[in-house]
Protein backbone atom coordinates (compact mmCIF):
# COMPACT_ATOMS: atom_id res chain seq x y z
CA MET A 1 -26.58 22.66 -5.15
CA SER A 2 -23.59 20.97 -5.96
CA LEU A 3 -20.64 23.26 -8.00
CA LEU A 4 -18.92 21.53 -10.85
CA LEU A 5 -15.19 21.42 -11.45
CA ALA A 6 -15.03 22.67 -15.10
CA MET A 7 -12.55 20.22 -16.26
CA ASP A 8 -14.00 17.41 -16.11
CA ALA A 9 -17.44 18.73 -15.08
CA MET A 10 -17.21 16.76 -11.74
CA PRO A 11 -19.48 17.97 -8.56
CA ILE A 12 -17.66 19.73 -5.88
CA PRO A 13 -19.45 18.67 -2.71
CA GLY A 14 -20.54 20.44 -0.17
CA PRO A 15 -19.28 21.49 3.36
CA LEU A 16 -17.58 18.69 5.21
CA THR A 17 -19.93 18.05 8.02
CA ILE A 18 -20.70 15.61 10.71
CA LYS A 19 -23.26 14.25 8.63
CA THR A 20 -21.56 14.01 5.46
CA ALA A 21 -18.46 12.35 6.67
CA PHE A 22 -20.23 9.02 7.19
CA GLU A 23 -21.62 9.11 4.03
CA PHE A 24 -21.10 6.92 1.29
CA SER A 25 -20.74 7.81 -2.99
CA PHE A 26 -20.42 5.03 -4.96
CA ALA A 27 -18.02 5.23 -8.00
CA TRP A 28 -18.04 2.41 -10.87
CA VAL A 29 -14.71 2.19 -11.30
CA PRO A 30 -13.48 1.71 -7.43
CA THR A 31 -16.37 -0.83 -7.21
CA ILE A 32 -15.88 -2.99 -10.34
CA LEU A 33 -12.41 -3.22 -9.59
CA ILE A 34 -13.40 -3.88 -5.31
CA VAL A 35 -15.59 -6.38 -6.18
CA GLY A 36 -13.93 -7.94 -9.41
CA TYR A 37 -10.83 -8.63 -6.81
CA GLY A 38 -12.49 -10.13 -4.21
CA LEU A 39 -13.90 -12.61 -6.93
CA CYS A 40 -11.50 -13.39 -8.33
CA TYR A 41 -9.22 -14.15 -4.99
CA LEU A 42 -12.35 -16.44 -3.70
CA VAL A 43 -12.08 -18.79 -6.70
CA LEU A 44 -8.83 -19.05 -6.87
CA ALA A 45 -8.96 -19.87 -3.32
CA ARG A 46 -11.09 -22.77 -3.53
CA ARG A 47 -9.10 -23.86 -6.66
CA TRP A 48 -6.10 -23.75 -4.77
CA SER A 49 -8.30 -26.55 -2.26
CA ARG A 50 -8.99 -28.66 -4.40
CA ILE A 51 -5.36 -28.89 -5.76
CA LYS A 52 -3.60 -28.83 -2.70
CA ASP A 53 -5.86 -30.91 -0.80
CA ARG A 54 -6.33 -28.88 1.88
CA ARG A 55 -7.58 -25.51 2.25
CA TRP A 56 -6.56 -22.19 1.06
CA SER A 57 -5.58 -20.03 4.51
CA PRO A 58 -8.39 -18.76 5.68
CA LYS A 59 -6.49 -15.97 7.77
CA ARG A 60 -4.90 -14.58 4.37
CA SER A 61 -8.27 -14.54 2.78
CA VAL A 62 -10.03 -12.22 6.11
CA ILE A 63 -6.75 -10.26 6.12
CA THR A 64 -7.25 -9.34 2.26
CA PHE A 65 -11.16 -8.55 2.35
CA THR A 66 -9.59 -6.11 5.37
CA GLY A 67 -7.45 -4.88 2.26
CA LEU A 68 -10.59 -4.24 0.40
CA LEU A 69 -12.56 -2.95 3.20
CA CYS A 70 -10.12 -0.42 3.30
CA VAL A 71 -10.03 0.10 -0.31
CA PHE A 72 -13.82 0.76 -0.08
CA ILE A 73 -13.07 2.93 2.75
CA ALA A 74 -10.50 5.37 0.61
CA THR A 75 -12.36 5.41 -2.26
CA GLU A 76 -15.73 5.87 -1.64
CA SER A 77 -16.17 7.10 1.92
CA ALA A 78 -16.30 10.70 2.59
CA ILE A 79 -12.53 10.10 1.57
CA GLY A 80 -13.39 9.32 -1.73
CA THR A 81 -16.22 11.83 -2.05
CA TYR A 82 -13.94 14.68 -1.06
CA ASP A 83 -10.92 13.23 -2.60
CA MET A 84 -10.82 15.83 -5.78
CA THR A 85 -11.98 18.26 -3.51
CA LEU A 86 -9.33 19.20 -0.35
CA PHE A 87 -5.51 17.78 -0.58
CA SER A 88 -5.48 16.99 2.90
CA ASP A 89 -8.52 14.46 2.42
CA HIS A 90 -6.53 13.21 -0.75
CA MET A 91 -2.81 12.54 1.18
CA VAL A 92 -5.35 10.77 4.17
CA GLN A 93 -6.89 8.41 0.87
CA HIS A 94 -3.01 8.02 -0.45
CA LEU A 95 -1.80 6.59 3.22
CA LEU A 96 -4.58 4.43 3.00
CA LEU A 97 -4.18 2.98 0.04
CA ILE A 98 -0.44 2.68 -0.05
CA MET A 99 0.48 1.93 4.05
CA VAL A 100 -2.53 0.00 4.81
CA SER A 101 -4.45 -1.87 1.90
CA SER A 102 -1.51 -2.94 0.00
CA ALA A 103 0.32 -4.23 3.28
CA LEU A 104 -2.82 -6.28 4.03
CA PHE A 105 -2.82 -7.26 -0.05
CA ALA A 106 0.76 -8.62 0.43
CA MET A 107 -0.19 -9.82 4.05
CA GLY A 108 -2.55 -11.89 1.68
CA ALA A 109 0.01 -13.61 -0.62
CA PRO A 110 -1.96 -12.74 -4.02
CA LEU A 111 0.74 -13.89 -6.71
CA GLN A 112 0.99 -16.92 -4.73
CA LEU A 113 -2.39 -18.18 -5.33
CA LEU A 114 -2.32 -16.73 -8.70
CA LEU A 115 0.35 -19.21 -9.69
CA GLU A 116 -0.71 -22.06 -8.35
CA ALA A 117 -4.54 -21.60 -9.01
CA THR A 118 -4.36 -20.49 -11.97
CA PRO A 119 -5.49 -23.00 -14.72
CA GLY A 120 -4.09 -24.32 -18.13
CA ALA A 121 -2.45 -22.46 -20.65
CA LEU A 122 -2.97 -18.94 -18.58
CA GLY A 123 -1.16 -20.47 -15.82
CA SER A 124 1.85 -21.69 -17.61
CA LEU A 125 2.47 -18.15 -19.03
CA MET A 126 2.11 -16.19 -15.58
CA ASN A 127 4.86 -18.86 -14.14
CA ARG A 128 6.89 -18.33 -17.52
CA ILE A 129 6.53 -14.30 -16.70
CA VAL A 130 7.11 -14.49 -13.07
CA ASP A 131 10.24 -16.65 -13.52
CA SER A 132 11.52 -15.02 -16.27
CA ARG A 133 14.51 -11.85 -16.04
CA VAL A 134 11.73 -9.61 -15.90
CA GLY A 135 9.96 -11.06 -13.48
CA GLU A 136 12.66 -11.67 -10.91
CA PHE A 137 13.81 -7.74 -11.63
CA PHE A 138 10.78 -6.78 -10.33
CA GLY A 139 10.48 -9.17 -7.72
CA ARG A 140 13.41 -7.86 -6.34
CA PRO A 141 13.09 -6.05 -2.73
CA ALA A 142 15.60 -3.27 -3.69
CA ILE A 143 13.56 -2.70 -6.85
CA GLY A 144 9.99 -2.82 -4.40
CA PHE A 145 11.92 -0.07 -2.40
CA ALA A 146 13.20 2.04 -5.45
CA CYS A 147 9.60 2.46 -6.74
CA TYR A 148 8.35 3.48 -3.68
CA ALA A 149 10.57 5.59 -3.17
CA ILE A 150 10.17 7.06 -6.66
CA PHE A 151 6.33 7.25 -6.84
CA ILE A 152 6.24 9.07 -3.57
CA PRO A 153 7.34 12.40 -4.19
CA VAL A 154 6.74 12.51 -7.84
CA THR A 155 2.99 12.06 -7.66
CA HIS A 156 2.76 14.72 -5.35
CA LEU A 157 5.31 17.20 -5.69
CA THR A 158 5.24 17.34 -9.56
CA SER A 159 2.58 18.92 -11.85
CA LEU A 160 1.77 15.15 -12.11
CA PHE A 161 -0.47 15.41 -8.97
CA ASN A 162 -2.08 18.82 -10.69
CA VAL A 163 -3.16 17.20 -13.79
CA MET A 164 -4.22 14.26 -11.43
CA MET A 165 -7.03 17.01 -9.84
CA GLU A 166 -8.15 17.78 -13.64
CA HIS A 167 -8.77 14.04 -14.98
CA LEU A 168 -10.28 12.13 -12.96
CA TRP A 169 -9.53 9.08 -15.10
CA VAL A 170 -5.74 9.96 -13.83
CA HIS A 171 -6.62 9.88 -10.57
CA HIS A 172 -7.67 6.10 -10.84
CA ALA A 173 -4.99 5.37 -12.26
CA GLU A 174 -3.00 6.52 -9.66
CA GLN A 175 -4.99 5.14 -7.11
CA LEU A 176 -4.13 1.58 -8.68
CA GLY A 177 -0.58 2.51 -8.52
CA PHE A 178 -0.24 3.30 -5.17
CA LEU A 179 -1.78 -0.13 -4.79
CA LEU A 180 0.41 -1.66 -7.06
CA VAL A 181 3.54 0.46 -5.97
CA GLY A 182 2.55 -0.27 -2.05
CA TYR A 183 2.28 -4.39 -2.83
CA LEU A 184 5.52 -4.33 -4.35
CA PHE A 185 7.24 -2.68 -1.42
CA TRP A 186 5.64 -4.24 1.14
CA ARG A 187 6.17 -7.64 -0.04
CA PRO A 188 9.28 -8.57 1.06
CA VAL A 189 8.44 -6.74 4.46
CA VAL A 190 5.72 -9.28 4.90
CA ASN A 191 7.88 -11.78 3.71
CA ILE A 192 5.25 -14.40 2.62
CA GLU A 193 5.20 -15.75 -0.22
CA PRO A 194 8.41 -17.79 -1.68
CA MET A 195 11.01 -15.22 -3.50
CA ARG A 196 14.36 -15.48 -4.89
CA HIS A 197 15.91 -12.72 -2.73
CA PRO A 198 14.44 -12.44 0.69
CA LEU A 199 15.46 -10.42 3.35
CA GLY A 200 16.03 -11.69 6.74
CA PRO A 201 14.14 -10.06 9.85
CA GLY A 202 17.07 -7.36 10.29
CA GLN A 203 17.18 -6.59 6.52
CA ARG A 204 13.33 -5.89 7.34
CA LEU A 205 13.74 -3.50 9.95
CA VAL A 206 16.44 -1.65 7.97
CA TYR A 207 14.57 -1.62 4.97
CA LEU A 208 11.36 -0.12 6.29
CA ALA A 209 14.01 2.25 8.17
CA LEU A 210 15.49 3.76 5.63
CA ALA A 211 11.81 4.37 3.56
CA VAL A 212 11.23 6.11 6.90
CA PRO A 213 12.94 9.75 4.95
CA VAL A 214 10.75 9.49 1.72
CA ASP A 215 7.68 10.31 3.61
CA THR A 216 9.34 12.73 5.48
CA PHE A 217 10.68 14.56 3.06
CA THR A 218 7.30 14.63 0.77
CA GLY A 219 5.41 15.52 3.60
CA LEU A 220 7.69 18.77 4.98
CA ALA A 221 8.18 20.11 1.54
CA LEU A 222 4.42 20.34 1.19
CA ALA A 223 4.26 21.16 4.85
CA MET A 224 6.63 24.44 4.87
CA SER A 225 4.95 25.39 0.74
CA ASP A 226 4.77 29.16 0.59
CA HIS A 227 2.86 28.81 -2.54
CA ASN A 228 0.02 26.84 -4.25
CA THR A 229 1.73 23.31 -6.17
CA VAL A 230 -1.99 22.85 -7.40
CA PRO A 231 -3.25 25.31 -9.45
CA ALA A 232 -6.43 22.99 -10.29
CA LEU A 233 -7.10 23.69 -6.36
CA ALA A 234 -7.46 27.46 -6.86
CA GLN A 235 -9.58 27.55 -9.85
CA MET A 236 -12.49 24.85 -7.94
CA PRO A 237 -15.52 27.59 -6.96
CA ARG A 238 -15.44 26.15 -3.31
CA ASN A 239 -16.31 28.98 -0.91
CA TRP A 240 -16.08 27.02 2.59
CA GLY A 241 -12.90 24.95 4.36
CA PRO A 242 -9.55 25.90 4.69
CA SER A 243 -7.38 28.11 2.10
CA VAL A 244 -5.46 26.05 -0.22
CA ILE A 245 -2.36 26.74 1.20
CA SER A 246 -3.38 25.61 4.32
CA ASP A 247 -5.15 22.81 2.91
CA ILE A 248 -1.41 21.81 1.07
CA ARG A 249 0.28 22.31 4.33
CA LEU A 250 -2.17 20.20 6.27
CA GLY A 251 -2.10 17.48 3.79
CA GLY A 252 1.54 17.76 3.75
CA ALA A 253 1.38 17.19 7.92
CA ILE A 254 -0.81 14.32 7.49
CA MET A 255 1.71 12.67 4.79
CA TRP A 256 4.48 13.64 6.95
CA ILE A 257 3.33 12.47 10.46
CA GLY A 258 0.52 10.12 9.32
CA GLY A 259 3.59 8.32 7.07
CA ASP A 260 5.93 8.24 10.03
CA PHE A 261 4.13 6.48 12.44
CA LEU A 262 2.36 4.00 10.22
CA MET A 263 6.18 3.25 9.25
CA LEU A 264 7.36 3.10 12.87
CA LEU A 265 4.14 0.81 12.96
CA ALA A 266 5.49 -1.57 11.28
CA MET A 267 9.01 -1.72 12.49
CA GLY A 268 7.18 -3.04 15.59
CA PRO A 269 6.40 -6.71 14.51
CA VAL A 270 9.68 -6.76 12.40
CA ALA A 271 11.96 -5.77 14.92
CA PHE A 272 10.12 -8.89 17.30
CA THR A 273 10.32 -11.23 14.50
CA TRP A 274 14.39 -10.00 14.34
CA MET A 275 14.78 -10.96 18.29
CA LYS A 276 13.02 -14.10 18.24
CA SER A 277 15.09 -15.23 15.27
CA GLU A 278 18.06 -14.07 16.99
CA GLU A 279 16.95 -15.56 20.73
CA ALA A 280 16.90 -18.89 18.24
CA LYS A 281 20.18 -19.10 16.50
CA ALA A 282 21.21 -18.18 20.52
CA ARG A 283 20.19 -21.70 21.67
CA GLN A 284 21.04 -23.10 18.90
CA ILE A 285 24.27 -22.10 19.16
CA ASP A 286 25.01 -22.77 23.13
CA ALA A 287 23.33 -26.23 22.43
CA GLU A 288 25.71 -27.11 19.86
CA LEU A 289 28.88 -25.50 22.45
CA ASP A 290 26.99 -27.87 25.20
CA ALA A 291 27.26 -31.01 22.93
CA ARG A 292 30.60 -30.18 21.69
CA GLU A 293 31.59 -29.85 25.65
CA ALA A 294 29.50 -33.10 26.53
CA ALA A 295 31.76 -34.75 23.60
CA GLN A 296 34.79 -33.69 24.54
CA ALA A 297 34.38 -34.51 28.10
CA GLN A 298 33.78 -38.05 27.46
CA PRO A 299 37.01 -40.67 27.55
């Protein structure tokens, strides 16, 4: 029989086993948001195709629904079942949301689709908001980076994490925050949507390299913790699994190693794009020099 967490009378799941690792538990809030986002994306993609007289990129649609699948796994698989019980499981969920799902959403170009396919006065209003000073401010790569660099340590190294463990609605708000901040962070990296301040390939590589210490610092701070930084975990009547301190340290290691690995993995395509860009520039310069030499050689 499940035990109860006194704060919100939430059921405490039983021990994590091979069987429970493959079980799913559906929750209203994540399900409504996942289905709602998917339906809105499909409707707007269809409308965009009618307006532009050509299909919205099927690749972007597939990438978007892959991102939704990742959100589903993060929130409604065993990862979602144990996210309020195990700190380490919670860290896996965070990485899936901010490092994987958000990057896939950015590759799906949702803002471009929203602005170009939303009809009437609502569409005009959204375009005015994005074109305003506020929209331009949040569209800057530096702001996306700053949001990421602040959000990660604040949500893991302060009392906010404990508040989230005590209240389910705060937890859901935090999950949305990871997706939104992740989108702002990854948008200039994937460089698909039109931007006022786009980054060149080399700049995108530096951008990612500068973000690596954020996960490293946060993860190491937790992995080397010698006391319980989340009192709510100690109040849970859990009599299985690792101790609270061991669980926190494991979560820190997941953030450190997993976060750095995913960030380095993202650097690969960016570095490849940079090399191809530099090769193209070199060929263009060579062609211009050859043309100049040929012109000078003519009598």
